[in-house]
């Protein structure tokens, strides 16, 4: 699947969002070698980290009643998919953090927004590093062992919550960040 967007399209989306206007997305996909399947949302690769986290939360909520009754193979396959999507969402969260300076579909650096990167703290680095380690080593490795220890549904939901908390906090801090006062006197 490829995501195509032009700088003009990205700017129109930003402008609509800034004006509080709803933005509707549709994706035309190819499934089983047949084109023309339309979905009313962006493909995962084009979503923000918060959109990915919301999609994961929704998927986990929908499967909660079935999760404990699945065979180990099905539960392992599901968990591995969620874990991979969580890793990608954390990576997108890092990209979203940089977005005020360098947008996703834009090759122009917005130097006047550079101060928004200054909200990053050592705690943020520890949070992201710990999440990536958990998802790459702890949860992922346990799903790959010969006799895997079952990853509880609640652990996956907890990982989504940690991501959402960090993303929301980071977005708030960037929104509240004040540009430095510069004087050329």
C-alpha atoms as a PDB file:
ATOM      1  CA  UNK A   1       0.000   0.000   0.000  1.00  0.00           C
ATOM      2  CA  UNK A   2       1.295   3.446  -0.845  1.00  0.00           C
ATOM      3  CA  UNK A   3       0.287   6.735   0.682  1.00  0.00           C
ATOM      4  CA  UNK A   4       0.347   9.666  -1.678  1.00  0.00           C
ATOM      5  CA  UNK A   5      -0.005  13.216  -0.512  1.00  0.00           C
ATOM      6  CA  UNK A   6       1.197  16.449  -1.911  1.00  0.00           C
ATOM      7  CA  UNK A   7       2.472  19.407   0.014  1.00  0.00           C
ATOM      8  CA  UNK A   8      -0.682  21.248  -1.090  1.00  0.00           C
ATOM      9  CA  UNK A   9      -2.954  18.538   0.280  1.00  0.00           C
ATOM     10  CA  UNK A  10      -1.097  18.470   3.594  1.00  0.00           C
ATOM     11  CA  UNK A  11      -1.429  22.242   3.853  1.00  0.00           C
ATOM     12  CA  UNK A  12      -5.183  22.083   3.126  1.00  0.00           C
ATOM     13  CA  UNK A  13      -5.604  19.487   5.852  1.00  0.00           C
ATOM     14  CA  UNK A  14      -3.649  21.641   8.323  1.00  0.00           C
ATOM     15  CA  UNK A  15      -5.718  24.687   7.396  1.00  0.00           C
ATOM     16  CA  UNK A  16      -9.031  22.847   7.812  1.00  0.00           C
ATOM     17  CA  UNK A  17      -7.954  21.489  11.201  1.00  0.00           C
ATOM     18  CA  UNK A  18      -6.775  24.954  12.316  1.00  0.00           C
ATOM     19  CA  UNK A  19     -10.214  26.344  11.448  1.00  0.00           C
ATOM     20  CA  UNK A  20     -11.908  23.545  13.363  1.00  0.00           C
ATOM     21  CA  UNK A  21     -13.439  22.093  10.220  1.00  0.00           C
ATOM     22  CA  UNK A  22     -13.865  18.339  10.039  1.00  0.00           C
ATOM     23  CA  UNK A  23     -11.567  16.469   7.707  1.00  0.00           C
ATOM     24  CA  UNK A  24     -12.957  13.311   6.161  1.00  0.00           C
ATOM     25  CA  UNK A  25     -10.664  10.633   4.817  1.00  0.00           C
ATOM     26  CA  UNK A  26     -11.284   7.835   2.387  1.00  0.00           C
ATOM     27  CA  UNK A  27      -8.823   5.205   1.333  1.00  0.00           C
ATOM     28  CA  UNK A  28      -9.152   3.135  -1.803  1.00  0.00           C
ATOM     29  CA  UNK A  29      -7.379  -0.177  -1.367  1.00  0.00           C
ATOM     30  CA  UNK A  30      -6.598  -3.322  -3.248  1.00  0.00           C
ATOM     31  CA  UNK A  31      -7.622  -6.526  -1.466  1.00  0.00           C
ATOM     32  CA  UNK A  32      -6.895  -9.960  -2.830  1.00  0.00           C
ATOM     33  CA  UNK A  33      -5.618  -8.380  -6.043  1.00  0.00           C
ATOM     34  CA  UNK A  34      -8.930  -6.554  -6.599  1.00  0.00           C
ATOM     35  CA  UNK A  35      -8.964  -2.749  -6.461  1.00  0.00           C
ATOM     36  CA  UNK A  36     -11.782  -0.530  -5.351  1.00  0.00           C
ATOM     37  CA  UNK A  37     -12.315  -1.291  -1.678  1.00  0.00           C
ATOM     38  CA  UNK A  38     -13.156   1.984   0.050  1.00  0.00           C
ATOM     39  CA  UNK A  39     -12.661   2.630   3.749  1.00  0.00           C
ATOM     40  CA  UNK A  40     -13.679   5.786   5.552  1.00  0.00           C
ATOM     41  CA  UNK A  41     -10.343   6.296   7.261  1.00  0.00           C
ATOM     42  CA  UNK A  42      -6.663   6.670   6.604  1.00  0.00           C
ATOM     43  CA  UNK A  43      -4.466   3.596   6.235  1.00  0.00           C
ATOM     44  CA  UNK A  44      -2.385   2.851   9.333  1.00  0.00           C
ATOM     45  CA  UNK A  45       0.790   4.206   7.717  1.00  0.00           C
ATOM     46  CA  UNK A  46      -0.813   7.635   7.279  1.00  0.00           C
ATOM     47  CA  UNK A  47      -2.355   7.970  10.761  1.00  0.00           C
ATOM     48  CA  UNK A  48      -0.970  10.009  13.620  1.00  0.00           C
ATOM     49  CA  UNK A  49       0.241   8.127  16.675  1.00  0.00           C
ATOM     50  CA  UNK A  50      -2.884   9.104  18.611  1.00  0.00           C
ATOM     51  CA  UNK A  51      -5.093   7.862  15.772  1.00  0.00           C
ATOM     52  CA  UNK A  52      -3.159   4.574  15.813  1.00  0.00           C
ATOM     53  CA  UNK A  53      -3.513   4.313  19.593  1.00  0.00           C
ATOM     54  CA  UNK A  54      -7.263   4.966  19.336  1.00  0.00           C
ATOM     55  CA  UNK A  55      -7.599   2.282  16.646  1.00  0.00           C
ATOM     56  CA  UNK A  56      -5.673  -0.200  18.816  1.00  0.00           C
ATOM     57  CA  UNK A  57      -7.792   0.642  21.864  1.00  0.00           C
ATOM     58  CA  UNK A  58     -10.959   0.097  19.814  1.00  0.00           C
ATOM     59  CA  UNK A  59      -9.693  -3.213  18.420  1.00  0.00           C
ATOM     60  CA  UNK A  60      -8.695  -4.454  21.882  1.00  0.00           C
ATOM     61  CA  UNK A  61     -12.070  -3.422  23.298  1.00  0.00           C
ATOM     62  CA  UNK A  62     -13.850  -5.299  20.525  1.00  0.00           C
ATOM     63  CA  UNK A  63     -11.895  -8.500  21.149  1.00  0.00           C
ATOM     64  CA  UNK A  64     -11.893  -8.439  24.961  1.00  0.00           C
ATOM     65  CA  UNK A  65     -14.690 -10.996  25.363  1.00  0.00           C
ATOM     66  CA  UNK A  66     -13.120 -13.415  22.886  1.00  0.00           C
ATOM     67  CA  UNK A  67      -9.449 -13.009  23.794  1.00  0.00           C
ATOM     68  CA  UNK A  68      -9.333 -15.427  26.750  1.00  0.00           C
ATOM     69  CA  UNK A  69     -11.136 -18.148  24.777  1.00  0.00           C
ATOM     70  CA  UNK A  70      -8.895 -18.148  21.722  1.00  0.00           C
ATOM     71  CA  UNK A  71      -6.470 -20.947  21.043  1.00  0.00           C
ATOM     72  CA  UNK A  72      -2.852 -20.101  21.887  1.00  0.00           C
ATOM     73  CA  UNK A  73      -1.916 -19.755  18.217  1.00  0.00           C
ATOM     74  CA  UNK A  74      -4.670 -17.247  17.481  1.00  0.00           C
ATOM     75  CA  UNK A  75      -3.965 -15.264  20.654  1.00  0.00           C
ATOM     76  CA  UNK A  76      -0.230 -15.222  19.860  1.00  0.00           C
ATOM     77  CA  UNK A  77      -0.834 -14.018  16.297  1.00  0.00           C
ATOM     78  CA  UNK A  78      -3.185 -11.296  17.570  1.00  0.00           C
ATOM     79  CA  UNK A  79      -0.747 -10.199  20.291  1.00  0.00           C
ATOM     80  CA  UNK A  80       2.176 -10.066  17.881  1.00  0.00           C
ATOM     81  CA  UNK A  81       0.126  -7.860  15.553  1.00  0.00           C
ATOM     82  CA  UNK A  82      -0.889  -5.507  18.348  1.00  0.00           C
ATOM     83  CA  UNK A  83       2.687  -5.336  19.638  1.00  0.00           C
ATOM     84  CA  UNK A  84       3.984  -4.494  16.154  1.00  0.00           C
ATOM     85  CA  UNK A  85       1.333  -1.790  15.766  1.00  0.00           C
ATOM     86  CA  UNK A  86       2.261  -0.391  19.189  1.00  0.00           C
ATOM     87  CA  UNK A  87       5.921  -0.193  18.156  1.00  0.00           C
ATOM     88  CA  UNK A  88       4.926   1.609  14.977  1.00  0.00           C
ATOM     89  CA  UNK A  89       2.676   3.952  16.974  1.00  0.00           C
ATOM     90  CA  UNK A  90       5.565   4.878  19.298  1.00  0.00           C
ATOM     91  CA  UNK A  91       7.730   5.543  16.240  1.00  0.00           C
ATOM     92  CA  UNK A  92       4.956   7.692  14.780  1.00  0.00           C
ATOM     93  CA  UNK A  93       4.714   9.469  18.148  1.00  0.00           C
ATOM     94  CA  UNK A  94       8.337  10.496  17.766  1.00  0.00           C
ATOM     95  CA  UNK A  95       7.587  11.721  14.237  1.00  0.00           C
ATOM     96  CA  UNK A  96       4.527  13.601  15.532  1.00  0.00           C
ATOM     97  CA  UNK A  97       6.740  15.283  18.131  1.00  0.00           C
ATOM     98  CA  UNK A  98       9.000  16.591  15.352  1.00  0.00           C
ATOM     99  CA  UNK A  99       5.995  17.548  13.174  1.00  0.00           C
ATOM    100  CA  UNK A 100       5.820  21.229  14.249  1.00  0.00           C
ATOM    101  CA  UNK A 101       9.291  21.700  12.769  1.00  0.00           C
ATOM    102  CA  UNK A 102       9.279  19.190   9.925  1.00  0.00           C
ATOM    103  CA  UNK A 103       5.895  17.932   8.757  1.00  0.00           C
ATOM    104  CA  UNK A 104       5.218  14.457   7.461  1.00  0.00           C
ATOM    105  CA  UNK A 105       4.579  15.392   3.829  1.00  0.00           C
ATOM    106  CA  UNK A 106       6.645  18.548   3.869  1.00  0.00           C
ATOM    107  CA  UNK A 107      10.327  19.047   3.182  1.00  0.00           C
ATOM    108  CA  UNK A 108      10.340  22.599   4.470  1.00  0.00           C
ATOM    109  CA  UNK A 109      11.724  23.132   7.972  1.00  0.00           C
ATOM    110  CA  UNK A 110       9.722  25.557  10.095  1.00  0.00           C
ATOM    111  CA  UNK A 111      12.540  27.137  12.092  1.00  0.00           C
ATOM    112  CA  UNK A 112      10.136  29.452  13.909  1.00  0.00           C
ATOM    113  CA  UNK A 113       8.633  26.387  15.612  1.00  0.00           C
ATOM    114  CA  UNK A 114      11.954  24.963  16.762  1.00  0.00           C
ATOM    115  CA  UNK A 115      11.190  25.948  20.381  1.00  0.00           C
ATOM    116  CA  UNK A 116       8.443  23.292  20.447  1.00  0.00           C
ATOM    117  CA  UNK A 117      11.142  20.623  20.467  1.00  0.00           C
ATOM    118  CA  UNK A 118      12.545  22.083  23.701  1.00  0.00           C
ATOM    119  CA  UNK A 119       9.698  20.549  25.706  1.00  0.00           C
ATOM    120  CA  UNK A 120      11.388  17.145  25.430  1.00  0.00           C
ATOM    121  CA  UNK A 121      12.710  16.024  28.817  1.00  0.00           C
ATOM    122  CA  UNK A 122      14.933  13.225  30.038  1.00  0.00           C
ATOM    123  CA  UNK A 123      11.780  11.602  31.416  1.00  0.00           C
ATOM    124  CA  UNK A 124      10.315  11.585  27.885  1.00  0.00           C
ATOM    125  CA  UNK A 125      13.424   9.853  26.596  1.00  0.00           C
ATOM    126  CA  UNK A 126      13.187   7.277  29.402  1.00  0.00           C
ATOM    127  CA  UNK A 127       9.469   6.747  28.718  1.00  0.00           C
ATOM    128  CA  UNK A 128       9.945   6.173  24.987  1.00  0.00           C
ATOM    129  CA  UNK A 129      13.052   4.032  25.475  1.00  0.00           C
ATOM    130  CA  UNK A 130      11.332   1.883  28.106  1.00  0.00           C
ATOM    131  CA  UNK A 131       8.249   1.402  25.918  1.00  0.00           C
ATOM    132  CA  UNK A 132      10.315   0.421  22.905  1.00  0.00           C
ATOM    133  CA  UNK A 133      12.335  -2.006  25.047  1.00  0.00           C
ATOM    134  CA  UNK A 134       9.190  -3.568  26.513  1.00  0.00           C
ATOM    135  CA  UNK A 135       7.596  -3.967  23.108  1.00  0.00           C
ATOM    136  CA  UNK A 136      10.732  -5.194  21.379  1.00  0.00           C
ATOM    137  CA  UNK A 137      12.081  -7.454  24.074  1.00  0.00           C
ATOM    138  CA  UNK A 138       9.630  -8.249  26.850  1.00  0.00           C
ATOM    139  CA  UNK A 139       6.235  -8.603  25.164  1.00  0.00           C
ATOM    140  CA  UNK A 140       7.532  -9.539  21.729  1.00  0.00           C
ATOM    141  CA  UNK A 141      10.024 -12.103  23.008  1.00  0.00           C
ATOM    142  CA  UNK A 142       7.450 -13.805  25.218  1.00  0.00           C
ATOM    143  CA  UNK A 143       5.164 -14.203  22.205  1.00  0.00           C
ATOM    144  CA  UNK A 144       7.930 -15.927  20.257  1.00  0.00           C
ATOM    145  CA  UNK A 145       9.097 -18.557  22.741  1.00  0.00           C
ATOM    146  CA  UNK A 146       8.403 -22.232  22.136  1.00  0.00           C
ATOM    147  CA  UNK A 147       5.777 -22.342  24.871  1.00  0.00           C
ATOM    148  CA  UNK A 148       4.754 -18.697  25.092  1.00  0.00           C
ATOM    149  CA  UNK A 149       3.532 -17.200  28.296  1.00  0.00           C
ATOM    150  CA  UNK A 150       0.145 -15.725  27.555  1.00  0.00           C
ATOM    151  CA  UNK A 151       0.193 -11.974  27.250  1.00  0.00           C
ATOM    152  CA  UNK A 152      -2.831 -10.782  29.176  1.00  0.00           C
ATOM    153  CA  UNK A 153      -5.339  -8.588  27.373  1.00  0.00           C
ATOM    154  CA  UNK A 154      -4.954  -6.046  30.186  1.00  0.00           C
ATOM    155  CA  UNK A 155      -1.195  -5.761  29.472  1.00  0.00           C
ATOM    156  CA  UNK A 156      -1.910  -4.757  25.871  1.00  0.00           C
ATOM    157  CA  UNK A 157      -4.554  -2.244  26.972  1.00  0.00           C
ATOM    158  CA  UNK A 158      -2.063  -0.873  29.518  1.00  0.00           C
ATOM    159  CA  UNK A 159       0.552  -0.385  26.780  1.00  0.00           C
ATOM    160  CA  UNK A 160      -1.953   1.578  24.682  1.00  0.00           C
ATOM    161  CA  UNK A 161      -2.799   3.717  27.724  1.00  0.00           C
ATOM    162  CA  UNK A 162       0.891   4.493  28.337  1.00  0.00           C
ATOM    163  CA  UNK A 163       1.251   5.588  24.724  1.00  0.00           C
ATOM    164  CA  UNK A 164      -1.889   7.738  24.842  1.00  0.00           C
ATOM    165  CA  UNK A 165      -0.772   9.371  28.087  1.00  0.00           C
ATOM    166  CA  UNK A 166       2.637  10.284  26.667  1.00  0.00           C
ATOM    167  CA  UNK A 167       1.192  11.544  23.375  1.00  0.00           C
ATOM    168  CA  UNK A 168      -1.452  13.672  25.086  1.00  0.00           C
ATOM    169  CA  UNK A 169       1.055  15.134  27.535  1.00  0.00           C
ATOM    170  CA  UNK A 170       3.579  15.885  24.794  1.00  0.00           C
ATOM    171  CA  UNK A 171       0.957  17.552  22.582  1.00  0.00           C
ATOM    172  CA  UNK A 172      -0.228  19.677  25.501  1.00  0.00           C
ATOM    173  CA  UNK A 173       3.291  20.776  26.378  1.00  0.00           C
ATOM    174  CA  UNK A 174       4.036  21.649  22.757  1.00  0.00           C
ATOM    175  CA  UNK A 175       0.792  23.589  22.471  1.00  0.00           C
ATOM    176  CA  UNK A 176       1.587  25.553  25.643  1.00  0.00           C
ATOM    177  CA  UNK A 177       5.236  26.158  24.705  1.00  0.00           C
ATOM    178  CA  UNK A 178       6.101  29.808  24.336  1.00  0.00           C
ATOM    179  CA  UNK A 179       8.495  31.075  21.705  1.00  0.00           C
ATOM    180  CA  UNK A 180      11.639  32.611  23.110  1.00  0.00           C
ATOM    181  CA  UNK A 181      11.758  36.343  23.393  1.00  0.00           C
ATOM    182  CA  UNK A 182      14.321  37.615  20.976  1.00  0.00           C
ATOM    183  CA  UNK A 183      15.669  41.075  20.879  1.00  0.00           C
ATOM    184  CA  UNK A 184      17.877  42.457  18.202  1.00  0.00           C
ATOM    185  CA  UNK A 185      18.581  45.669  20.051  1.00  0.00           C
END
